[in-house]
Amino acid sequence: MEAIVDRDNLRKALAQVRRNKGAPGVDGMNVEALVLHLRDHWPELRIQLLEGSYKPQPVRRVEIPKASGGTRPLGIPTVLDRFIQQAVMQVLQEAWDEGFSASS
């Protein structure tokens, strides 16, 4: 968890979430509002992550059209949860990539 909440890792995660843009989740927060939210709430969020007490928000469900007709459900996490997921994924991916051979 220390690697996940490392400042450099978090900067990369925020940059990636900004690039991806995306729709707001159930809380209505967009990517730009996330920056302000993190300035005000990061110390508490960091503690929650390190203690294992952080709870993701519910996912917003939308129906998106399929090319073949009809729709399919899509879950949209909050932008804060996407940021945390990205930070976790970056650390895990780094560890996983070491285990793959060049021919994998």
C-alpha atoms as a PDB file:
ATOM      1  CA  MET A   1       0.000   0.000   0.000  1.00  0.00           C
ATOM      2  CA  GLU A   2       2.915   2.340   0.620  1.00  0.00           C
ATOM      3  CA  ALA A   3       3.885   2.023  -3.059  1.00  0.00           C
ATOM      4  CA  ILE A   4       0.290   2.722  -4.095  1.00  0.00           C
ATOM      5  CA  VAL A   5       0.083   5.959  -2.087  1.00  0.00           C
ATOM      6  CA  ASP A   6       3.555   7.079  -3.184  1.00  0.00           C
ATOM      7  CA  ARG A   7       3.419  10.648  -4.543  1.00  0.00           C
ATOM      8  CA  ASP A   8       4.951   9.772  -7.948  1.00  0.00           C
ATOM      9  CA  ASN A   9       2.561   6.859  -8.425  1.00  0.00           C
ATOM     10  CA  LEU A  10      -0.400   9.085  -7.550  1.00  0.00           C
ATOM     11  CA  ARG A  11       0.714  11.780  -9.996  1.00  0.00           C
ATOM     12  CA  LYS A  12       0.878   9.208 -12.795  1.00  0.00           C
ATOM     13  CA  ALA A  13      -2.533   7.840 -11.815  1.00  0.00           C
ATOM     14  CA  LEU A  14      -4.103  11.302 -11.825  1.00  0.00           C
ATOM     15  CA  ALA A  15      -2.567  12.096 -15.216  1.00  0.00           C
ATOM     16  CA  GLN A  16      -3.981   8.856 -16.652  1.00  0.00           C
ATOM     17  CA  VAL A  17      -7.462   9.469 -15.233  1.00  0.00           C
ATOM     18  CA  ARG A  18      -7.369  12.991 -16.714  1.00  0.00           C
ATOM     19  CA  ARG A  19      -6.373  11.600 -20.135  1.00  0.00           C
ATOM     20  CA  ASN A  20      -9.172   9.023 -20.019  1.00  0.00           C
ATOM     21  CA  LYS A  21     -11.747  11.673 -19.048  1.00  0.00           C
ATOM     22  CA  GLY A  22     -14.946   9.691 -18.601  1.00  0.00           C
ATOM     23  CA  ALA A  23     -18.370  10.386 -17.197  1.00  0.00           C
ATOM     24  CA  PRO A  24     -18.998  11.139 -13.519  1.00  0.00           C
ATOM     25  CA  GLY A  25     -20.117   8.349 -11.214  1.00  0.00           C
ATOM     26  CA  VAL A  26     -22.952   8.374  -8.695  1.00  0.00           C
ATOM     27  CA  ASP A  27     -21.456  11.367  -6.869  1.00  0.00           C
ATOM     28  CA  GLY A  28     -21.480  13.586  -9.986  1.00  0.00           C
ATOM     29  CA  MET A  29     -17.805  14.546  -9.531  1.00  0.00           C
ATOM     30  CA  ASN A  30     -15.858  15.168 -12.731  1.00  0.00           C
ATOM     31  CA  VAL A  31     -12.114  14.847 -13.253  1.00  0.00           C
ATOM     32  CA  GLU A  32     -11.362  18.530 -12.595  1.00  0.00           C
ATOM     33  CA  ALA A  33     -13.330  18.500  -9.336  1.00  0.00           C
ATOM     34  CA  LEU A  34     -11.265  15.490  -8.255  1.00  0.00           C
ATOM     35  CA  VAL A  35      -8.125  17.626  -7.999  1.00  0.00           C
ATOM     36  CA  LEU A  36      -9.827  20.004  -5.561  1.00  0.00           C
ATOM     37  CA  HIS A  37     -11.332  17.102  -3.643  1.00  0.00           C
ATOM     38  CA  LEU A  38      -7.908  15.474  -3.256  1.00  0.00           C
ATOM     39  CA  ARG A  39      -6.381  18.727  -1.980  1.00  0.00           C
ATOM     40  CA  ASP A  40      -8.976  18.860   0.787  1.00  0.00           C
ATOM     41  CA  HIS A  41      -9.371  15.168   1.615  1.00  0.00           C
ATOM     42  CA  TRP A  42      -6.157  13.337   0.670  1.00  0.00           C
ATOM     43  CA  PRO A  43      -4.801  12.932   4.248  1.00  0.00           C
ATOM     44  CA  GLU A  44      -7.956  11.080   5.355  1.00  0.00           C
ATOM     45  CA  LEU A  45      -8.140   9.028   2.154  1.00  0.00           C
ATOM     46  CA  ARG A  46      -4.482   8.027   2.500  1.00  0.00           C
ATOM     47  CA  ILE A  47      -5.065   6.826   6.054  1.00  0.00           C
ATOM     48  CA  GLN A  48      -8.127   4.849   4.961  1.00  0.00           C
ATOM     49  CA  LEU A  49      -6.149   3.196   2.168  1.00  0.00           C
ATOM     50  CA  LEU A  50      -3.226   2.324   4.429  1.00  0.00           C
ATOM     51  CA  GLU A  51      -5.538   0.970   7.148  1.00  0.00           C
ATOM     52  CA  GLY A  52      -7.643  -0.990   4.667  1.00  0.00           C
ATOM     53  CA  SER A  53     -10.828   0.834   5.657  1.00  0.00           C
ATOM     54  CA  TYR A  54     -11.464   2.658   2.340  1.00  0.00           C
ATOM     55  CA  LYS A  55     -14.820   1.704   0.813  1.00  0.00           C
ATOM     56  CA  PRO A  56     -15.498   2.404  -2.877  1.00  0.00           C
ATOM     57  CA  GLN A  57     -18.733   4.157  -3.773  1.00  0.00           C
ATOM     58  CA  PRO A  58     -21.542   2.380  -5.627  1.00  0.00           C
ATOM     59  CA  VAL A  59     -21.220   2.204  -9.401  1.00  0.00           C
ATOM     60  CA  ARG A  60     -23.549   4.236 -11.634  1.00  0.00           C
ATOM     61  CA  ARG A  61     -25.357   1.961 -14.095  1.00  0.00           C
ATOM     62  CA  VAL A  62     -26.170   3.108 -17.606  1.00  0.00           C
ATOM     63  CA  GLU A  63     -27.367   1.293 -20.702  1.00  0.00           C
ATOM     64  CA  ILE A  64     -25.267   1.724 -23.827  1.00  0.00           C
ATOM     65  CA  PRO A  65     -26.299   0.718 -27.342  1.00  0.00           C
ATOM     66  CA  LYS A  66     -24.784  -2.382 -28.930  1.00  0.00           C
ATOM     67  CA  ALA A  67     -23.749  -2.440 -32.599  1.00  0.00           C
ATOM     68  CA  SER A  68     -26.005  -5.447 -33.159  1.00  0.00           C
ATOM     69  CA  GLY A  69     -29.006  -3.662 -31.639  1.00  0.00           C
ATOM     70  CA  GLY A  70     -30.271  -3.535 -28.090  1.00  0.00           C
ATOM     71  CA  THR A  71     -28.294  -2.286 -25.151  1.00  0.00           C
ATOM     72  CA  ARG A  72     -25.893  -3.570 -22.552  1.00  0.00           C
ATOM     73  CA  PRO A  73     -25.337  -2.398 -18.984  1.00  0.00           C
ATOM     74  CA  LEU A  74     -22.220  -0.404 -18.150  1.00  0.00           C
ATOM     75  CA  GLY A  75     -20.968   0.448 -14.664  1.00  0.00           C
ATOM     76  CA  ILE A  76     -19.314   3.832 -14.150  1.00  0.00           C
ATOM     77  CA  PRO A  77     -17.248   4.135 -10.967  1.00  0.00           C
ATOM     78  CA  THR A  78     -16.723   7.510  -9.321  1.00  0.00           C
ATOM     79  CA  VAL A  79     -13.713   9.459 -10.541  1.00  0.00           C
ATOM     80  CA  LEU A  80     -12.109   9.046  -7.096  1.00  0.00           C
ATOM     81  CA  ASP A  81     -12.478   5.275  -7.326  1.00  0.00           C
ATOM     82  CA  ARG A  82     -11.051   5.324 -10.877  1.00  0.00           C
ATOM     83  CA  PHE A  83      -8.061   7.290  -9.537  1.00  0.00           C
ATOM     84  CA  ILE A  84      -7.462   4.771  -6.745  1.00  0.00           C
ATOM     85  CA  GLN A  85      -7.962   1.822  -9.124  1.00  0.00           C
ATOM     86  CA  GLN A  86      -5.407   3.330 -11.508  1.00  0.00           C
ATOM     87  CA  ALA A  87      -2.875   3.820  -8.695  1.00  0.00           C
ATOM     88  CA  VAL A  88      -3.312   0.190  -7.588  1.00  0.00           C
ATOM     89  CA  MET A  89      -3.119  -1.133 -11.150  1.00  0.00           C
ATOM     90  CA  GLN A  90       0.140   0.704 -11.852  1.00  0.00           C
ATOM     91  CA  VAL A  91       1.857  -0.911  -8.862  1.00  0.00           C
ATOM     92  CA  LEU A  92       0.473  -4.380  -9.598  1.00  0.00           C
ATOM     93  CA  GLN A  93       1.314  -4.150 -13.300  1.00  0.00           C
ATOM     94  CA  GLU A  94       4.908  -3.276 -12.493  1.00  0.00           C
ATOM     95  CA  ALA A  95       5.196  -6.395 -10.336  1.00  0.00           C
ATOM     96  CA  TRP A  96       3.414  -8.623 -12.891  1.00  0.00           C
ATOM     97  CA  ASP A  97       5.477  -7.408 -15.854  1.00  0.00           C
ATOM     98  CA  GLU A  98       8.674  -8.606 -14.149  1.00  0.00           C
ATOM     99  CA  GLY A  99       7.311 -12.163 -14.161  1.00  0.00           C
ATOM    100  CA  PHE A 100       6.667 -12.339 -17.913  1.00  0.00           C
ATOM    101  CA  SER A 101       9.326 -13.502 -20.301  1.00  0.00           C
ATOM    102  CA  ALA A 102      10.111 -11.505 -23.435  1.00  0.00           C
ATOM    103  CA  SER A 103       8.322 -14.116 -25.531  1.00  0.00           C
ATOM    104  CA  SER A 104       5.092 -14.065 -23.496  1.00  0.00           C
END
